[in-house]
Amino acid sequence: MRGKLLFTALAVAILAVFASMSLAGAESINHKGRTVYHFNKVEVIKVGDVSGHIVGVAEGSGLNSLDNGEVAAYSNKITFDYVDGSGTFEGYGVNTYEDGSVTVVKAQGTTTALPGGKVSLFKGTYSFLKGTGRFEGIKGSGSLTGKRIVPIGAGAECFMDTTETYTLPTR
């Protein structure tokens, strides 16, 4: 019995060492960035239950600039559910870097229309779903705040500021 207990304790200790080595080897990275984009395509459907209730999908593109000087081509696909310009959104963002590496995130949040209904503020969170190239195995999340300076529709200009933290596996 004592031998089994000693063997179990040794096995647990070895696993703990390997786990801490793999965690210690992961690189944790923090970035702030600004993404400027416009909607290329927007489809809107009136719900009909209350005045001003719409649901829709949108597709956008632009540039994402990070605080380390990197710039990525950005594209997104979102769905939204708004009443008088305010409500919830969910979507996917793809950043393609100069070296061909890609990150894919899933975001969700809320949009608030300002008085007059033309300008909207939005905020939310996102998590990394996938990375390719130097971002293979990425894990992490971030937050976003932004503004759309005209009502939602094709050509609508937007920007968002992001703060993110992620880890990459040791190579």
Protein backbone atom coordinates (compact mmCIF):
# COMPACT_ATOMS: atom_id res chain seq x y z
CA MET A 1 0.00 0.00 0.00
CA ARG A 2 2.82 2.36 0.89
CA GLY A 3 4.47 1.66 -2.48
CA LYS A 4 1.30 2.59 -4.37
CA LEU A 5 0.98 5.81 -2.40
CA LEU A 6 4.60 6.72 -3.10
CA PHE A 7 4.16 5.89 -6.82
CA THR A 8 0.99 8.05 -7.02
CA ALA A 9 2.70 10.98 -5.29
CA LEU A 10 5.67 10.72 -7.66
CA ALA A 11 3.39 10.57 -10.71
CA VAL A 12 1.47 13.66 -9.55
CA ALA A 13 4.73 15.54 -8.95
CA ILE A 14 6.03 14.69 -12.43
CA LEU A 15 2.77 15.79 -14.06
CA ALA A 16 2.86 19.07 -12.11
CA VAL A 17 6.41 19.77 -13.31
CA PHE A 18 5.48 19.12 -16.97
CA ALA A 19 2.33 21.24 -16.68
CA SER A 20 4.23 24.16 -15.19
CA MET A 21 6.93 23.85 -17.87
CA SER A 22 4.36 24.05 -20.67
CA LEU A 23 2.58 27.01 -19.04
CA ALA A 24 5.85 28.80 -18.32
CA GLY A 25 6.84 28.37 -21.97
CA ALA A 26 3.66 30.00 -23.30
CA GLU A 27 4.16 33.64 -24.22
CA SER A 28 1.51 36.06 -22.93
CA ILE A 29 1.01 39.11 -25.17
CA ASN A 30 -1.01 42.29 -24.59
CA HIS A 31 -1.99 44.69 -27.37
CA LYS A 32 -4.08 47.77 -27.92
CA GLY A 33 -5.27 48.59 -31.38
CA ARG A 34 -7.59 50.63 -33.56
CA THR A 35 -9.60 49.21 -36.42
CA VAL A 36 -11.09 51.54 -39.03
CA TYR A 37 -13.57 49.93 -41.41
CA HIS A 38 -16.71 50.41 -43.46
CA PHE A 39 -19.63 48.16 -44.28
CA ASN A 40 -19.54 46.84 -47.84
CA LYS A 41 -22.90 45.11 -47.62
CA VAL A 42 -25.84 45.37 -45.19
CA GLU A 43 -29.15 43.50 -45.32
CA VAL A 44 -31.95 44.69 -42.99
CA ILE A 45 -35.37 43.18 -42.29
CA LYS A 46 -38.11 44.96 -40.32
CA VAL A 47 -39.40 42.67 -37.57
CA GLY A 48 -42.85 44.29 -37.31
CA ASP A 49 -43.50 43.80 -33.60
CA VAL A 50 -42.63 47.36 -32.50
CA SER A 51 -41.72 50.49 -34.44
CA GLY A 52 -38.04 50.63 -35.40
CA HIS A 53 -37.26 46.94 -34.70
CA ILE A 54 -34.87 45.49 -37.30
CA VAL A 55 -32.60 42.48 -37.61
CA GLY A 56 -29.81 42.20 -40.12
CA VAL A 57 -26.43 41.08 -41.31
CA ALA A 58 -23.47 43.17 -42.39
CA GLU A 59 -20.09 42.60 -43.98
CA GLY A 60 -17.23 45.05 -43.59
CA SER A 61 -13.56 45.60 -44.35
CA GLY A 62 -10.76 47.93 -43.35
CA LEU A 63 -7.44 48.06 -41.49
CA ASN A 64 -6.42 47.08 -37.97
CA SER A 65 -3.42 48.93 -36.47
CA LEU A 66 -1.75 47.54 -33.34
CA ASP A 67 0.39 49.36 -30.79
CA ASN A 68 3.46 47.37 -31.91
CA GLY A 69 3.29 48.98 -35.37
CA GLU A 70 1.73 46.02 -37.17
CA VAL A 71 -1.14 46.58 -39.58
CA ALA A 72 -3.53 43.86 -40.74
CA ALA A 73 -6.26 43.74 -43.35
CA TYR A 74 -9.52 43.38 -41.42
CA SER A 75 -12.86 41.89 -42.43
CA ASN A 76 -15.98 41.16 -40.42
CA LYS A 77 -19.38 39.55 -40.67
CA ILE A 78 -21.96 40.57 -38.06
CA THR A 79 -25.59 40.01 -37.17
CA PHE A 80 -27.59 42.58 -35.23
CA ASP A 81 -30.95 43.03 -33.52
CA TYR A 82 -31.82 46.74 -33.01
CA VAL A 83 -34.76 48.82 -31.90
CA ASP A 84 -34.34 52.44 -33.00
CA GLY A 85 -30.63 51.80 -33.62
CA SER A 86 -29.86 50.24 -30.23
CA GLY A 87 -29.50 46.56 -29.39
CA THR A 88 -27.17 43.61 -29.60
CA PHE A 89 -24.67 42.34 -32.15
CA GLU A 90 -22.61 39.22 -32.67
CA GLY A 91 -19.96 38.64 -35.28
CA TYR A 92 -16.66 37.34 -36.52
CA GLY A 93 -13.53 39.33 -37.31
CA VAL A 94 -10.58 38.19 -39.41
CA ASN A 95 -7.17 39.90 -39.38
CA THR A 96 -4.72 39.01 -42.16
CA TYR A 97 -1.16 40.19 -41.52
CA GLU A 98 1.55 41.05 -44.06
CA ASP A 99 3.26 37.67 -43.55
CA GLY A 100 -0.01 35.83 -44.31
CA SER A 101 -0.70 34.88 -40.68
CA VAL A 102 -4.36 35.15 -39.66
CA THR A 103 -6.36 35.56 -36.45
CA VAL A 104 -10.10 34.90 -36.22
CA VAL A 105 -12.22 36.21 -33.33
CA LYS A 106 -15.85 35.94 -32.30
CA ALA A 107 -17.34 39.11 -30.79
CA GLN A 108 -20.57 40.07 -29.06
CA GLY A 109 -21.81 43.29 -27.56
CA THR A 110 -24.28 46.13 -27.51
CA THR A 111 -24.89 49.17 -29.68
CA THR A 112 -26.41 52.38 -28.34
CA ALA A 113 -27.82 54.98 -30.74
CA LEU A 114 -27.15 58.57 -29.69
CA PRO A 115 -29.94 61.18 -29.85
CA GLY A 116 -30.83 61.88 -33.46
CA GLY A 117 -30.19 58.26 -34.43
CA LYS A 118 -27.28 58.88 -36.82
CA VAL A 119 -24.30 58.11 -34.57
CA SER A 120 -24.04 54.90 -32.57
CA LEU A 121 -21.61 53.74 -29.91
CA PHE A 122 -20.82 50.08 -29.40
CA LYS A 123 -18.93 48.00 -26.89
CA GLY A 124 -18.29 44.31 -26.42
CA THR A 125 -15.91 41.46 -25.89
CA TYR A 126 -14.29 38.88 -28.13
CA SER A 127 -12.36 35.64 -27.96
CA PHE A 128 -9.81 34.16 -30.33
CA LEU A 129 -11.17 31.17 -32.25
CA LYS A 130 -8.24 30.38 -34.51
CA GLY A 131 -4.82 31.46 -35.66
CA THR A 132 -2.66 30.45 -38.59
CA GLY A 133 1.04 30.96 -39.29
CA ARG A 134 2.74 32.57 -36.30
CA PHE A 135 -0.63 32.68 -34.51
CA GLU A 136 -1.21 28.90 -34.68
CA GLY A 137 -2.66 27.76 -31.32
CA ILE A 138 -3.61 31.28 -30.14
CA LYS A 139 -5.76 31.49 -26.98
CA GLY A 140 -7.11 34.67 -25.46
CA SER A 141 -9.71 37.40 -25.45
CA GLY A 142 -10.26 41.12 -25.65
CA SER A 143 -12.63 44.03 -25.30
CA LEU A 144 -13.76 46.62 -27.81
CA THR A 145 -15.38 50.05 -27.88
CA GLY A 146 -16.26 51.96 -31.00
CA LYS A 147 -18.42 54.33 -32.97
CA ARG A 148 -20.38 54.22 -36.21
CA ILE A 149 -20.67 57.77 -37.50
CA VAL A 150 -23.71 57.30 -39.78
CA PRO A 151 -26.78 55.03 -39.62
CA ILE A 152 -26.11 51.38 -40.42
CA GLY A 153 -26.04 50.69 -44.13
CA ALA A 154 -23.64 50.00 -46.97
CA GLY A 155 -20.75 52.46 -46.79
CA ALA A 156 -21.22 53.24 -43.09
CA GLU A 157 -17.86 54.18 -41.57
CA CYS A 158 -16.83 52.80 -38.17
CA PHE A 159 -13.88 52.55 -35.86
CA MET A 160 -13.19 50.47 -32.79
CA ASP A 161 -10.47 50.47 -30.16
CA THR A 162 -9.41 47.10 -28.79
CA THR A 163 -7.46 45.76 -25.83
CA GLU A 164 -6.47 42.10 -26.00
CA THR A 165 -4.44 39.49 -24.17
CA TYR A 166 -3.45 36.19 -25.71
CA THR A 167 -0.96 33.38 -25.41
CA LEU A 168 0.88 31.46 -28.06
CA PRO A 169 2.28 27.98 -27.58
CA THR A 170 6.03 27.56 -27.27
CA ARG A 171 7.58 26.64 -30.59
